[in-house]
Amino acid sequence: MQQTMFVMVFFILVFMLMSGLLTPISSMPEWAQVITWLNPPRYFIEMMRGVEVYG
């Protein structure tokens, strides 16, 4: 169970770094931009940035 948690922390960290949340995808190298197309959180971040909030 501890090994599984360690591996999942690694994957979650990579997914967050490659999603565009902390670093813009346009500033990543070309090979990293291609990999982000396979990353599901990328699409969630794009949708959340596209939502306009009216107050």
N, C-alpha and C. Protein backbone atom coordinates (compact mmCIF):
# COMPACT_ATOMS: atom_id res chain seq x y z
N MET A 1 0.82 -1.18 0.00
CA MET A 1 0.00 0.00 0.00
C MET A 1 0.87 1.26 0.00
N GLN A 2 1.96 1.24 0.74
CA GLN A 2 2.85 2.40 0.76
C GLN A 2 3.51 2.60 -0.60
N GLN A 3 3.86 1.51 -1.26
CA GLN A 3 4.47 1.63 -2.58
C GLN A 3 3.47 2.24 -3.57
N THR A 4 2.24 1.84 -3.48
CA THR A 4 1.21 2.38 -4.36
C THR A 4 1.04 3.87 -4.12
N MET A 5 1.03 4.30 -2.88
CA MET A 5 0.89 5.72 -2.56
C MET A 5 2.08 6.51 -3.08
N PHE A 6 3.27 5.98 -2.97
CA PHE A 6 4.46 6.66 -3.47
C PHE A 6 4.40 6.82 -4.98
N VAL A 7 4.01 5.77 -5.68
CA VAL A 7 3.91 5.83 -7.14
C VAL A 7 2.83 6.82 -7.56
N MET A 8 1.70 6.82 -6.87
CA MET A 8 0.61 7.74 -7.22
C MET A 8 1.01 9.19 -6.99
N VAL A 9 1.76 9.48 -5.94
CA VAL A 9 2.23 10.85 -5.70
C VAL A 9 3.11 11.28 -6.87
N PHE A 10 3.96 10.39 -7.36
CA PHE A 10 4.82 10.72 -8.49
C PHE A 10 3.98 11.04 -9.73
N PHE A 11 2.97 10.20 -10.03
CA PHE A 11 2.14 10.42 -11.21
C PHE A 11 1.30 11.70 -11.08
N ILE A 12 0.76 11.94 -9.90
CA ILE A 12 -0.04 13.15 -9.71
C ILE A 12 0.82 14.38 -9.86
N LEU A 13 2.04 14.35 -9.37
CA LEU A 13 2.96 15.48 -9.53
C LEU A 13 3.25 15.74 -11.00
N VAL A 14 3.53 14.69 -11.75
CA VAL A 14 3.80 14.83 -13.18
C VAL A 14 2.57 15.35 -13.91
N PHE A 15 1.39 14.82 -13.59
CA PHE A 15 0.15 15.27 -14.23
C PHE A 15 -0.10 16.75 -13.96
N MET A 16 0.13 17.21 -12.73
CA MET A 16 -0.10 18.61 -12.40
C MET A 16 0.90 19.52 -13.11
N LEU A 17 2.15 19.10 -13.16
CA LEU A 17 3.16 19.92 -13.83
C LEU A 17 2.93 19.99 -15.34
N MET A 18 2.39 18.92 -15.92
CA MET A 18 2.17 18.89 -17.36
C MET A 18 0.78 19.35 -17.78
N SER A 19 -0.05 19.77 -16.83
CA SER A 19 -1.42 20.15 -17.16
C SER A 19 -1.55 21.60 -17.59
N GLY A 20 -0.55 22.41 -17.31
CA GLY A 20 -0.65 23.82 -17.63
C GLY A 20 -1.16 24.65 -16.47
N LEU A 21 -1.35 24.05 -15.33
CA LEU A 21 -1.83 24.78 -14.16
C LEU A 21 -0.74 25.68 -13.59
N LEU A 22 0.46 25.16 -13.45
CA LEU A 22 1.55 25.93 -12.86
C LEU A 22 2.45 26.59 -13.89
N THR A 23 2.58 25.98 -15.04
CA THR A 23 3.43 26.50 -16.11
C THR A 23 2.63 26.51 -17.40
N PRO A 24 2.63 27.62 -18.13
CA PRO A 24 1.89 27.64 -19.40
C PRO A 24 2.43 26.58 -20.37
N ILE A 25 1.52 25.92 -21.06
CA ILE A 25 1.92 24.87 -21.99
C ILE A 25 2.73 25.44 -23.14
N SER A 26 2.43 26.67 -23.52
CA SER A 26 3.16 27.29 -24.63
C SER A 26 4.63 27.53 -24.31
N SER A 27 4.99 27.58 -23.03
CA SER A 27 6.39 27.79 -22.67
C SER A 27 7.16 26.48 -22.50
N MET A 28 6.47 25.35 -22.66
CA MET A 28 7.13 24.05 -22.55
C MET A 28 7.83 23.71 -23.86
N PRO A 29 8.84 22.82 -23.81
CA PRO A 29 9.46 22.37 -25.06
C PRO A 29 8.46 21.62 -25.93
N GLU A 30 8.78 21.51 -27.21
CA GLU A 30 7.86 20.88 -28.17
C GLU A 30 7.49 19.45 -27.76
N TRP A 31 8.46 18.66 -27.31
CA TRP A 31 8.17 17.28 -26.94
C TRP A 31 7.23 17.22 -25.74
N ALA A 32 7.34 18.17 -24.82
CA ALA A 32 6.46 18.19 -23.66
C ALA A 32 5.05 18.63 -24.06
N GLN A 33 4.94 19.54 -25.02
CA GLN A 33 3.63 19.99 -25.48
C GLN A 33 2.87 18.83 -26.12
N VAL A 34 3.58 17.96 -26.82
CA VAL A 34 2.94 16.80 -27.44
C VAL A 34 2.42 15.85 -26.37
N ILE A 35 3.19 15.66 -25.31
CA ILE A 35 2.78 14.75 -24.24
C ILE A 35 1.54 15.27 -23.52
N THR A 36 1.40 16.60 -23.42
CA THR A 36 0.25 17.14 -22.70
C THR A 36 -1.08 16.80 -23.36
N TRP A 37 -1.09 16.48 -24.65
CA TRP A 37 -2.34 16.10 -25.31
C TRP A 37 -2.90 14.80 -24.74
N LEU A 38 -2.06 13.99 -24.10
CA LEU A 38 -2.50 12.73 -23.50
C LEU A 38 -2.86 12.88 -22.03
N ASN A 39 -2.73 14.08 -21.49
CA ASN A 39 -2.92 14.33 -20.07
C ASN A 39 -4.34 14.86 -19.80
N PRO A 40 -5.21 14.07 -19.18
CA PRO A 40 -6.59 14.51 -18.94
C PRO A 40 -6.72 15.82 -18.14
N PRO A 41 -5.90 16.08 -17.12
CA PRO A 41 -6.07 17.36 -16.40
C PRO A 41 -5.87 18.59 -17.28
N ARG A 42 -5.16 18.46 -18.39
CA ARG A 42 -4.98 19.60 -19.29
C ARG A 42 -6.33 20.14 -19.76
N TYR A 43 -7.22 19.24 -20.12
CA TYR A 43 -8.52 19.64 -20.64
C TYR A 43 -9.39 20.26 -19.54
N PHE A 44 -9.26 19.75 -18.33
CA PHE A 44 -10.01 20.33 -17.21
C PHE A 44 -9.54 21.75 -16.93
N ILE A 45 -8.23 21.96 -16.93
CA ILE A 45 -7.68 23.30 -16.69
C ILE A 45 -8.13 24.27 -17.78
N GLU A 46 -8.12 23.82 -19.04
CA GLU A 46 -8.57 24.67 -20.14
C GLU A 46 -10.05 25.04 -19.98
N MET A 47 -10.87 24.08 -19.57
CA MET A 47 -12.29 24.37 -19.37
C MET A 47 -12.50 25.36 -18.23
N MET A 48 -11.77 25.17 -17.15
CA MET A 48 -11.92 26.06 -15.99
C MET A 48 -11.47 27.48 -16.32
N ARG A 49 -10.45 27.62 -17.13
CA ARG A 49 -10.00 28.96 -17.52
C ARG A 49 -10.97 29.61 -18.50
N GLY A 50 -11.72 28.81 -19.21
CA GLY A 50 -12.67 29.35 -20.18
C GLY A 50 -13.99 29.77 -19.58
N VAL A 51 -14.25 29.41 -18.33
CA VAL A 51 -15.50 29.76 -17.67
C VAL A 51 -15.42 31.21 -17.18
N GLU A 52 -16.44 31.99 -17.54
CA GLU A 52 -16.50 33.37 -17.07
C GLU A 52 -17.44 33.43 -15.87
N VAL A 53 -17.01 34.15 -14.85
CA VAL A 53 -17.80 34.28 -13.64
C VAL A 53 -18.39 35.67 -13.60
N TYR A 54 -19.68 35.73 -13.46
CA TYR A 54 -20.37 37.02 -13.36
C TYR A 54 -20.83 37.20 -11.92
N GLY A 55 -20.50 38.33 -11.35
CA GLY A 55 -20.84 38.54 -9.95
C GLY A 55 -21.78 39.61 -9.80
